[in-house]
Amino acid sequence: MVSGDTQKRVRRDMTSLSFRRLRLGGLLVWASLVTTLMGAPAARAQHFLGEETAPVATSSYRTVDGLGAHDIVARMIERNRLRQKDLQSYSAVRTYEIQNQDGRLAAQAVVSVDYRAPGTKTFHKVSEKGSWVVRHMVFDRLLQSEEETSSGHERSEAAISEENYSFTIIGETTLGSNRCYIVQAQPKRTDKYLFEGQLWIDAQDFGIAKISGHPARRLSFWVNHAEFVREFQKIDGFWLPFRDETIVDVKIHGTKIFRIEHQQYVINATNHPQAPDTELESPN
């Protein structure tokens, strides 16, 4: 006959196991969300921008250059196509970080990435520290998914195009030293690969300087709210990711801040860039 203490211990262990499964379930959903947002670069949090320009226009608004939304988006797509054609390869170093709401670092990884046209990416971990569970459930899943889908069907589903979005000019502003058009992107369907938000498009060469918004569809019961931002940098004529920030409110886990810094680009070269000099702890 099982004693009362044994029964209590079994119930306590089962409760603990169920809670751990719930936490892991939240992490899995979070990783899936981040993968989706990276696939369809969208964002909302304005932590890197400074002053914003409020929406001032309607669908008939034209820029000081006399351009409408269709003109700007058509030029953006064509210029991006030409740049993509010229971008045969690059190497870079990314630093992935996840922080709790109080600023404490939960996990970090430094990863080298190699891109080869037309859409192949390979990743190599340089160093990592923090929670093994978070690194495995979020970073590893994110890298694997990006590696698998960088040239796949999901890429066309997430493309910023007139097949996927309706566009409206809502203003013009200066981002850094660049004059930009601000274009509202409204998804044409409620799809996990799409977002609702804004594009900052460079007025000189029609590269995307920044994207902001939120997912077009709530992805899970586990995610209360999500917002994210992606900034781009211009290197050797190419607009490449500079900084990503995703803020996710996940049930049980609370608010998490996920950042990616993109550094040390080497364009159309085969050698890995040197990893940052920061010393990181060995994996736990």
C-alpha atoms as a PDB file:
ATOM      1  CA  MET A   1       0.000   0.000   0.000  1.00  0.00           C
ATOM      2  CA  VAL A   2       1.354   3.415  -0.985  1.00  0.00           C
ATOM      3  CA  SER A   3       1.933   5.751   1.942  1.00  0.00           C
ATOM      4  CA  GLY A   4       0.441   9.232   2.137  1.00  0.00           C
ATOM      5  CA  ASP A   5       3.902  10.837   1.851  1.00  0.00           C
ATOM      6  CA  THR A   6       4.640   8.853  -1.304  1.00  0.00           C
ATOM      7  CA  GLN A   7       1.329   9.920  -2.867  1.00  0.00           C
ATOM      8  CA  LYS A   8       2.051  13.561  -2.070  1.00  0.00           C
ATOM      9  CA  ARG A   9       5.529  13.269  -3.585  1.00  0.00           C
ATOM     10  CA  VAL A  10       4.138  11.656  -6.765  1.00  0.00           C
ATOM     11  CA  ARG A  11       1.496  14.389  -7.111  1.00  0.00           C
ATOM     12  CA  ARG A  12       4.158  17.050  -6.543  1.00  0.00           C
ATOM     13  CA  ASP A  13       6.453  15.497  -9.168  1.00  0.00           C
ATOM     14  CA  MET A  14       3.598  15.239 -11.678  1.00  0.00           C
ATOM     15  CA  THR A  15       2.653  18.865 -11.078  1.00  0.00           C
ATOM     16  CA  SER A  16       6.265  19.916 -11.561  1.00  0.00           C
ATOM     17  CA  LEU A  17       6.507  17.872 -14.778  1.00  0.00           C
ATOM     18  CA  SER A  18       3.283  19.387 -16.135  1.00  0.00           C
ATOM     19  CA  PHE A  19       4.554  22.902 -15.366  1.00  0.00           C
ATOM     20  CA  ARG A  20       7.869  22.193 -17.111  1.00  0.00           C
ATOM     21  CA  ARG A  21       5.974  20.938 -20.155  1.00  0.00           C
ATOM     22  CA  LEU A  22       3.904  24.114 -20.196  1.00  0.00           C
ATOM     23  CA  ARG A  23       7.056  26.211 -20.020  1.00  0.00           C
ATOM     24  CA  LEU A  24       8.659  24.234 -22.853  1.00  0.00           C
ATOM     25  CA  GLY A  25       5.458  24.577 -24.843  1.00  0.00           C
ATOM     26  CA  GLY A  26       5.690  28.335 -24.451  1.00  0.00           C
ATOM     27  CA  LEU A  27       9.313  28.304 -25.589  1.00  0.00           C
ATOM     28  CA  LEU A  28       8.432  26.241 -28.661  1.00  0.00           C
ATOM     29  CA  VAL A  29       5.700  28.690 -29.641  1.00  0.00           C
ATOM     30  CA  TRP A  30       8.040  31.609 -29.004  1.00  0.00           C
ATOM     31  CA  ALA A  31      10.711  30.059 -31.240  1.00  0.00           C
ATOM     32  CA  SER A  32       8.126  29.489 -33.970  1.00  0.00           C
ATOM     33  CA  LEU A  33       6.985  33.100 -33.669  1.00  0.00           C
ATOM     34  CA  VAL A  34      10.512  34.507 -33.918  1.00  0.00           C
ATOM     35  CA  THR A  35      11.185  32.267 -36.935  1.00  0.00           C
ATOM     36  CA  THR A  36       8.049  33.603 -38.621  1.00  0.00           C
ATOM     37  CA  LEU A  37       8.938  37.215 -37.930  1.00  0.00           C
ATOM     38  CA  MET A  38      12.454  36.735 -39.232  1.00  0.00           C
ATOM     39  CA  GLY A  39      11.080  35.100 -42.370  1.00  0.00           C
ATOM     40  CA  ALA A  40       8.755  38.032 -42.985  1.00  0.00           C
ATOM     41  CA  PRO A  41      10.807  40.866 -41.499  1.00  0.00           C
ATOM     42  CA  ALA A  42       8.355  42.981 -39.590  1.00  0.00           C
ATOM     43  CA  ALA A  43       8.390  45.087 -36.435  1.00  0.00           C
ATOM     44  CA  ARG A  44       6.848  47.698 -34.219  1.00  0.00           C
ATOM     45  CA  ALA A  45       9.020  48.749 -31.280  1.00  0.00           C
ATOM     46  CA  GLN A  46      10.640  52.100 -32.090  1.00  0.00           C
ATOM     47  CA  HIS A  47      13.651  51.748 -29.784  1.00  0.00           C
ATOM     48  CA  PHE A  48      16.209  52.625 -32.464  1.00  0.00           C
ATOM     49  CA  LEU A  49      14.504  55.402 -34.367  1.00  0.00           C
ATOM     50  CA  GLY A  50      14.082  58.559 -32.367  1.00  0.00           C
ATOM     51  CA  GLU A  51      11.320  60.831 -33.653  1.00  0.00           C
ATOM     52  CA  GLU A  52       8.592  59.296 -35.788  1.00  0.00           C
ATOM     53  CA  THR A  53       6.437  60.934 -38.403  1.00  0.00           C
ATOM     54  CA  ALA A  54       2.709  60.570 -37.738  1.00  0.00           C
ATOM     55  CA  PRO A  55       0.525  59.304 -40.587  1.00  0.00           C
ATOM     56  CA  VAL A  56      -0.490  62.296 -42.681  1.00  0.00           C
ATOM     57  CA  ALA A  57      -1.794  60.857 -45.921  1.00  0.00           C
ATOM     58  CA  THR A  58      -4.451  58.857 -47.680  1.00  0.00           C
ATOM     59  CA  SER A  59      -4.189  56.285 -50.465  1.00  0.00           C
ATOM     60  CA  SER A  60      -4.132  59.161 -52.997  1.00  0.00           C
ATOM     61  CA  TYR A  61      -1.150  60.874 -51.351  1.00  0.00           C
ATOM     62  CA  ARG A  62       1.877  61.487 -53.562  1.00  0.00           C
ATOM     63  CA  THR A  63       5.396  62.352 -52.431  1.00  0.00           C
ATOM     64  CA  VAL A  64       7.198  65.611 -53.125  1.00  0.00           C
ATOM     65  CA  ASP A  65       8.734  63.731 -56.076  1.00  0.00           C
ATOM     66  CA  GLY A  66       5.254  63.056 -57.445  1.00  0.00           C
ATOM     67  CA  LEU A  67       5.408  59.316 -56.680  1.00  0.00           C
ATOM     68  CA  GLY A  68       2.484  57.208 -55.512  1.00  0.00           C
ATOM     69  CA  ALA A  69       2.642  54.057 -53.398  1.00  0.00           C
ATOM     70  CA  HIS A  70       2.583  51.769 -56.449  1.00  0.00           C
ATOM     71  CA  ASP A  71       5.518  53.668 -58.018  1.00  0.00           C
ATOM     72  CA  ILE A  72       7.620  53.440 -54.852  1.00  0.00           C
ATOM     73  CA  VAL A  73       6.922  49.748 -54.246  1.00  0.00           C
ATOM     74  CA  ALA A  74       7.541  48.849 -57.911  1.00  0.00           C
ATOM     75  CA  ARG A  75      10.916  50.622 -57.832  1.00  0.00           C
ATOM     76  CA  MET A  76      11.760  49.034 -54.483  1.00  0.00           C
ATOM     77  CA  ILE A  77      11.055  45.531 -55.831  1.00  0.00           C
ATOM     78  CA  GLU A  78      13.019  46.106 -59.036  1.00  0.00           C
ATOM     79  CA  ARG A  79      16.041  47.651 -57.274  1.00  0.00           C
ATOM     80  CA  ASN A  80      16.019  44.817 -54.728  1.00  0.00           C
ATOM     81  CA  ARG A  81      15.914  42.284 -57.557  1.00  0.00           C
ATOM     82  CA  LEU A  82      18.974  43.853 -59.181  1.00  0.00           C
ATOM     83  CA  ARG A  83      20.860  44.038 -55.881  1.00  0.00           C
ATOM     84  CA  GLN A  84      19.978  40.421 -55.090  1.00  0.00           C
ATOM     85  CA  LYS A  85      21.302  39.387 -58.490  1.00  0.00           C
ATOM     86  CA  ASP A  86      24.643  41.042 -57.690  1.00  0.00           C
ATOM     87  CA  LEU A  87      24.849  39.629 -54.172  1.00  0.00           C
ATOM     88  CA  GLN A  88      26.599  36.337 -54.814  1.00  0.00           C
ATOM     89  CA  SER A  89      27.825  35.724 -51.288  1.00  0.00           C
ATOM     90  CA  TYR A  90      28.503  37.265 -47.924  1.00  0.00           C
ATOM     91  CA  SER A  91      29.759  36.283 -44.508  1.00  0.00           C
ATOM     92  CA  ALA A  92      28.811  37.922 -41.222  1.00  0.00           C
ATOM     93  CA  VAL A  93      28.714  37.453 -37.462  1.00  0.00           C
ATOM     94  CA  ARG A  94      25.452  37.571 -35.521  1.00  0.00           C
ATOM     95  CA  THR A  95      25.004  37.965 -31.783  1.00  0.00           C
ATOM     96  CA  TYR A  96      21.736  36.518 -30.483  1.00  0.00           C
ATOM     97  CA  GLU A  97      20.502  37.606 -27.046  1.00  0.00           C
ATOM     98  CA  ILE A  98      17.379  36.968 -24.999  1.00  0.00           C
ATOM     99  CA  GLN A  99      16.672  39.150 -21.979  1.00  0.00           C
ATOM    100  CA  ASN A 100      14.016  39.049 -19.310  1.00  0.00           C
ATOM    101  CA  GLN A 101      11.871  42.118 -18.735  1.00  0.00           C
ATOM    102  CA  ASP A 102      14.175  43.254 -15.912  1.00  0.00           C
ATOM    103  CA  GLY A 103      17.156  43.254 -18.278  1.00  0.00           C
ATOM    104  CA  ARG A 104      18.774  40.040 -17.019  1.00  0.00           C
ATOM    105  CA  LEU A 105      20.421  38.023 -19.784  1.00  0.00           C
ATOM    106  CA  ALA A 106      18.743  34.629 -20.227  1.00  0.00           C
ATOM    107  CA  ALA A 107      20.868  33.346 -23.116  1.00  0.00           C
ATOM    108  CA  GLN A 108      23.386  34.497 -25.702  1.00  0.00           C
ATOM    109  CA  ALA A 109      25.010  32.975 -28.775  1.00  0.00           C
ATOM    110  CA  VAL A 110      27.542  34.263 -31.298  1.00  0.00           C
ATOM    111  CA  VAL A 111      27.046  32.679 -34.709  1.00  0.00           C
ATOM    112  CA  SER A 112      28.853  33.039 -38.028  1.00  0.00           C
ATOM    113  CA  VAL A 113      26.694  32.939 -41.162  1.00  0.00           C
ATOM    114  CA  ASP A 114      27.631  32.280 -44.777  1.00  0.00           C
ATOM    115  CA  TYR A 115      25.237  33.179 -47.589  1.00  0.00           C
ATOM    116  CA  ARG A 116      25.562  31.830 -51.128  1.00  0.00           C
ATOM    117  CA  ALA A 117      23.270  32.817 -54.006  1.00  0.00           C
ATOM    118  CA  PRO A 118      20.511  32.194 -54.763  1.00  0.00           C
ATOM    119  CA  GLY A 119      19.432  31.502 -51.181  1.00  0.00           C
ATOM    120  CA  THR A 120      21.638  29.124 -49.217  1.00  0.00           C
ATOM    121  CA  LYS A 121      22.626  29.998 -45.648  1.00  0.00           C
ATOM    122  CA  THR A 122      24.869  27.972 -43.362  1.00  0.00           C
ATOM    123  CA  PHE A 123      25.529  28.718 -39.689  1.00  0.00           C
ATOM    124  CA  HIS A 124      28.297  27.900 -37.243  1.00  0.00           C
ATOM    125  CA  LYS A 125      28.174  28.622 -33.524  1.00  0.00           C
ATOM    126  CA  VAL A 126      31.244  30.463 -32.293  1.00  0.00           C
ATOM    127  CA  SER A 127      30.290  30.624 -28.594  1.00  0.00           C
ATOM    128  CA  GLU A 128      27.271  30.660 -26.308  1.00  0.00           C
ATOM    129  CA  LYS A 129      26.216  31.073 -22.696  1.00  0.00           C
ATOM    130  CA  GLY A 130      23.143  31.111 -20.511  1.00  0.00           C
ATOM    131  CA  SER A 131      20.176  28.752 -20.341  1.00  0.00           C
ATOM    132  CA  TRP A 132      20.739  25.574 -22.337  1.00  0.00           C
ATOM    133  CA  VAL A 133      16.968  25.121 -22.682  1.00  0.00           C
ATOM    134  CA  VAL A 134      16.495  28.587 -24.205  1.00  0.00           C
ATOM    135  CA  ARG A 135      19.506  28.197 -26.486  1.00  0.00           C
ATOM    136  CA  HIS A 136      18.280  24.824 -27.713  1.00  0.00           C
ATOM    137  CA  MET A 137      14.562  25.602 -27.965  1.00  0.00           C
ATOM    138  CA  VAL A 138      14.923  29.093 -29.474  1.00  0.00           C
ATOM    139  CA  PHE A 139      18.350  29.710 -31.053  1.00  0.00           C
ATOM    140  CA  ASP A 140      18.848  26.221 -32.491  1.00  0.00           C
ATOM    141  CA  ARG A 141      15.311  26.053 -33.847  1.00  0.00           C
ATOM    142  CA  LEU A 142      15.601  29.526 -35.347  1.00  0.00           C
ATOM    143  CA  LEU A 143      18.880  28.731 -37.116  1.00  0.00           C
ATOM    144  CA  GLN A 144      17.608  25.407 -38.413  1.00  0.00           C
ATOM    145  CA  SER A 145      14.414  26.944 -39.731  1.00  0.00           C
ATOM    146  CA  GLU A 146      16.212  29.832 -41.442  1.00  0.00           C
ATOM    147  CA  GLU A 147      18.686  27.416 -43.016  1.00  0.00           C
ATOM    148  CA  GLU A 148      15.875  25.232 -44.347  1.00  0.00           C
ATOM    149  CA  THR A 149      13.541  27.956 -45.616  1.00  0.00           C
ATOM    150  CA  SER A 150      15.930  30.662 -46.888  1.00  0.00           C
ATOM    151  CA  SER A 151      15.206  29.681 -50.497  1.00  0.00           C
ATOM    152  CA  GLY A 152      11.966  27.744 -50.069  1.00  0.00           C
ATOM    153  CA  HIS A 153       8.241  28.273 -50.577  1.00  0.00           C
ATOM    154  CA  GLU A 154       7.891  30.238 -47.340  1.00  0.00           C
ATOM    155  CA  ARG A 155      10.160  32.914 -48.764  1.00  0.00           C
ATOM    156  CA  SER A 156       7.697  33.819 -51.543  1.00  0.00           C
ATOM    157  CA  GLU A 157       4.786  33.669 -49.102  1.00  0.00           C
ATOM    158  CA  ALA A 158       6.568  36.209 -46.890  1.00  0.00           C
ATOM    159  CA  ALA A 159       7.757  38.489 -49.708  1.00  0.00           C
ATOM    160  CA  ILE A 160       6.984  42.191 -49.435  1.00  0.00           C
ATOM    161  CA  SER A 161       5.098  42.419 -52.716  1.00  0.00           C
ATOM    162  CA  GLU A 162       1.800  43.606 -54.145  1.00  0.00           C
ATOM    163  CA  GLU A 163       0.677  39.980 -54.265  1.00  0.00           C
ATOM    164  CA  ASN A 164       0.812  39.875 -50.464  1.00  0.00           C
ATOM    165  CA  TYR A 165       0.137  43.478 -49.392  1.00  0.00           C
ATOM    166  CA  SER A 166      -1.741  46.666 -50.155  1.00  0.00           C
ATOM    167  CA  PHE A 167       0.461  49.753 -49.786  1.00  0.00           C
ATOM    168  CA  THR A 168      -0.319  53.359 -48.837  1.00  0.00           C
ATOM    169  CA  ILE A 169       2.069  56.301 -48.476  1.00  0.00           C
ATOM    170  CA  ILE A 170       1.641  57.892 -45.053  1.00  0.00           C
ATOM    171  CA  GLY A 171       4.509  60.377 -44.992  1.00  0.00           C
ATOM    172  CA  GLU A 172       8.183  61.172 -45.452  1.00  0.00           C
ATOM    173  CA  THR A 173      10.958  61.532 -42.895  1.00  0.00           C
ATOM    174  CA  THR A 174      14.714  61.418 -42.369  1.00  0.00           C
ATOM    175  CA  LEU A 175      16.261  58.268 -40.984  1.00  0.00           C
ATOM    176  CA  GLY A 176      19.865  58.970 -40.027  1.00  0.00           C
ATOM    177  CA  SER A 177      21.149  60.903 -43.040  1.00  0.00           C
ATOM    178  CA  ASN A 178      18.709  59.306 -45.502  1.00  0.00           C
ATOM    179  CA  ARG A 179      15.412  60.734 -46.668  1.00  0.00           C
ATOM    180  CA  CYS A 180      12.790  57.995 -46.593  1.00  0.00           C
ATOM    181  CA  TYR A 181       9.228  57.414 -47.707  1.00  0.00           C
ATOM    182  CA  ILE A 182       6.991  55.857 -45.048  1.00  0.00           C
ATOM    183  CA  VAL A 183       4.674  53.265 -46.548  1.00  0.00           C
ATOM    184  CA  GLN A 184       1.898  51.424 -44.719  1.00  0.00           C
ATOM    185  CA  ALA A 185       1.750  47.701 -45.526  1.00  0.00           C
ATOM    186  CA  GLN A 186      -1.652  46.027 -45.092  1.00  0.00           C
ATOM    187  CA  PRO A 187      -1.663  42.237 -45.578  1.00  0.00           C
ATOM    188  CA  LYS A 188      -4.157  40.920 -48.120  1.00  0.00           C
ATOM    189  CA  ARG A 189      -4.793  37.786 -46.068  1.00  0.00           C
ATOM    190  CA  THR A 190      -4.511  36.724 -42.455  1.00  0.00           C
ATOM    191  CA  ASP A 191      -1.362  34.651 -42.744  1.00  0.00           C
ATOM    192  CA  LYS A 192       1.328  33.709 -40.219  1.00  0.00           C
ATOM    193  CA  TYR A 193       4.042  34.732 -42.684  1.00  0.00           C
ATOM    194  CA  LEU A 194       2.711  38.280 -43.114  1.00  0.00           C
ATOM    195  CA  PHE A 195       2.675  41.400 -40.948  1.00  0.00           C
ATOM    196  CA  GLU A 196       0.797  44.650 -40.629  1.00  0.00           C
ATOM    197  CA  GLY A 197       3.046  47.658 -40.308  1.00  0.00           C
ATOM    198  CA  GLN A 198       5.242  50.215 -41.992  1.00  0.00           C
ATOM    199  CA  LEU A 199       8.222  50.359 -44.346  1.00  0.00           C
ATOM    200  CA  TRP A 200      10.872  53.061 -44.429  1.00  0.00           C
ATOM    201  CA  ILE A 201      12.097  53.128 -48.049  1.00  0.00           C
ATOM    202  CA  ASP A 202      15.178  55.125 -49.019  1.00  0.00           C
ATOM    203  CA  ALA A 203      14.189  57.908 -51.428  1.00  0.00           C
ATOM    204  CA  GLN A 204      17.464  57.706 -53.359  1.00  0.00           C
ATOM    205  CA  ASP A 205      17.929  54.036 -54.182  1.00  0.00           C
ATOM    206  CA  PHE A 206      14.632  52.532 -52.912  1.00  0.00           C
ATOM    207  CA  GLY A 207      16.253  50.136 -50.465  1.00  0.00           C
ATOM    208  CA  ILE A 208      14.321  49.179 -47.317  1.00  0.00           C
ATOM    209  CA  ALA A 209      15.939  51.000 -44.395  1.00  0.00           C
ATOM    210  CA  LYS A 210      13.534  49.740 -41.736  1.00  0.00           C
ATOM    211  CA  ILE A 211      10.389  47.702 -41.248  1.00  0.00           C
ATOM    212  CA  SER A 212       7.958  47.889 -38.337  1.00  0.00           C
ATOM    213  CA  GLY A 213       4.675  46.207 -37.468  1.00  0.00           C
ATOM    214  CA  HIS A 214       3.120  43.149 -35.803  1.00  0.00           C
ATOM    215  CA  PRO A 215       2.046  39.684 -36.997  1.00  0.00           C
ATOM    216  CA  ALA A 216      -1.014  39.603 -39.236  1.00  0.00           C
ATOM    217  CA  ARG A 217      -2.374  36.690 -37.253  1.00  0.00           C
ATOM    218  CA  ARG A 218      -2.197  35.652 -33.635  1.00  0.00           C
ATOM    219  CA  LEU A 219      -0.115  32.518 -33.816  1.00  0.00           C
ATOM    220  CA  SER A 220      -0.986  30.812 -30.559  1.00  0.00           C
ATOM    221  CA  PHE A 221      -2.898  30.846 -27.296  1.00  0.00           C
ATOM    222  CA  TRP A 222       0.517  31.111 -25.631  1.00  0.00           C
ATOM    223  CA  VAL A 223       1.406  34.481 -27.175  1.00  0.00           C
ATOM    224  CA  ASN A 224      -0.452  37.449 -25.689  1.00  0.00           C
ATOM    225  CA  HIS A 225       1.272  40.099 -27.782  1.00  0.00           C
ATOM    226  CA  ALA A 226       4.255  40.482 -30.107  1.00  0.00           C
ATOM    227  CA  GLU A 227       6.020  43.442 -31.673  1.00  0.00           C
ATOM    228  CA  PHE A 228       9.336  43.638 -33.418  1.00  0.00           C
ATOM    229  CA  VAL A 229      11.646  45.881 -35.463  1.00  0.00           C
ATOM    230  CA  ARG A 230      14.288  45.322 -38.115  1.00  0.00           C
ATOM    231  CA  GLU A 231      16.821  47.955 -39.132  1.00  0.00           C
ATOM    232  CA  PHE A 232      19.008  47.673 -42.212  1.00  0.00           C
ATOM    233  CA  GLN A 233      22.444  49.045 -43.059  1.00  0.00           C
ATOM    234  CA  LYS A 234      23.917  49.865 -46.455  1.00  0.00           C
ATOM    235  CA  ILE A 235      27.228  48.128 -47.150  1.00  0.00           C
ATOM    236  CA  ASP A 236      28.934  48.277 -50.563  1.00  0.00           C
ATOM    237  CA  GLY A 237      25.616  49.228 -52.131  1.00  0.00           C
ATOM    238  CA  PHE A 238      23.628  46.403 -50.492  1.00  0.00           C
ATOM    239  CA  TRP A 239      20.954  46.850 -47.792  1.00  0.00           C
ATOM    240  CA  LEU A 240      21.596  44.148 -45.189  1.00  0.00           C
ATOM    241  CA  PRO A 241      20.166  43.500 -41.689  1.00  0.00           C
ATOM    242  CA  PHE A 242      21.715  45.578 -38.924  1.00  0.00           C
ATOM    243  CA  ARG A 243      19.615  45.014 -35.809  1.00  0.00           C
ATOM    244  CA  ASP A 244      16.490  43.027 -34.931  1.00  0.00           C
ATOM    245  CA  GLU A 245      14.451  43.369 -31.769  1.00  0.00           C
ATOM    246  CA  THR A 246      11.406  41.250 -30.930  1.00  0.00           C
ATOM    247  CA  ILE A 247       9.321  41.815 -27.804  1.00  0.00           C
ATOM    248  CA  VAL A 248       7.020  38.911 -26.973  1.00  0.00           C
ATOM    249  CA  ASP A 249       4.601  38.538 -24.077  1.00  0.00           C
ATOM    250  CA  VAL A 250       4.346  34.777 -23.546  1.00  0.00           C
ATOM    251  CA  LYS A 251       2.020  33.138 -21.041  1.00  0.00           C
ATOM    252  CA  ILE A 252       3.909  31.712 -18.024  1.00  0.00           C
ATOM    253  CA  HIS A 253       7.233  33.170 -19.280  1.00  0.00           C
ATOM    254  CA  GLY A 254       6.151  36.812 -19.219  1.00  0.00           C
ATOM    255  CA  THR A 255       7.801  39.427 -21.436  1.00  0.00           C
ATOM    256  CA  LYS A 256      10.979  38.438 -23.269  1.00  0.00           C
ATOM    257  CA  ILE A 257      13.192  40.650 -25.422  1.00  0.00           C
ATOM    258  CA  PHE A 258      15.027  38.958 -28.267  1.00  0.00           C
ATOM    259  CA  ARG A 259      17.788  40.855 -30.104  1.00  0.00           C
ATOM    260  CA  ILE A 260      20.074  40.048 -33.004  1.00  0.00           C
ATOM    261  CA  GLU A 261      23.060  42.229 -33.901  1.00  0.00           C
ATOM    262  CA  HIS A 262      24.455  41.706 -37.431  1.00  0.00           C
ATOM    263  CA  GLN A 263      28.148  42.633 -37.701  1.00  0.00           C
ATOM    264  CA  GLN A 264      31.387  42.166 -39.657  1.00  0.00           C
ATOM    265  CA  TYR A 265      29.909  41.716 -43.115  1.00  0.00           C
ATOM    266  CA  VAL A 266      32.263  40.585 -45.859  1.00  0.00           C
ATOM    267  CA  ILE A 267      30.463  40.959 -49.190  1.00  0.00           C
ATOM    268  CA  ASN A 268      31.015  38.527 -52.082  1.00  0.00           C
ATOM    269  CA  ALA A 269      33.866  36.821 -50.237  1.00  0.00           C
ATOM    270  CA  THR A 270      34.376  33.244 -49.100  1.00  0.00           C
ATOM    271  CA  ASN A 271      36.217  33.678 -45.812  1.00  0.00           C
ATOM    272  CA  HIS A 272      34.481  33.778 -42.450  1.00  0.00           C
ATOM    273  CA  PRO A 273      34.825  37.148 -40.723  1.00  0.00           C
ATOM    274  CA  GLN A 274      36.630  37.062 -37.415  1.00  0.00           C
ATOM    275  CA  ALA A 275      34.363  36.581 -34.418  1.00  0.00           C
ATOM    276  CA  PRO A 276      34.032  39.425 -31.862  1.00  0.00           C
ATOM    277  CA  ASP A 277      36.691  39.611 -29.167  1.00  0.00           C
ATOM    278  CA  THR A 278      34.150  39.170 -26.364  1.00  0.00           C
ATOM    279  CA  GLU A 279      34.813  36.241 -24.098  1.00  0.00           C
ATOM    280  CA  LEU A 280      31.769  34.065 -23.561  1.00  0.00           C
ATOM    281  CA  GLU A 281      31.234  31.220 -21.157  1.00  0.00           C
ATOM    282  CA  SER A 282      31.315  27.675 -22.395  1.00  0.00           C
ATOM    283  CA  PRO A 283      27.952  25.965 -22.976  1.00  0.00           C
ATOM    284  CA  ASN A 284      26.378  24.650 -19.769  1.00  0.00           C
END
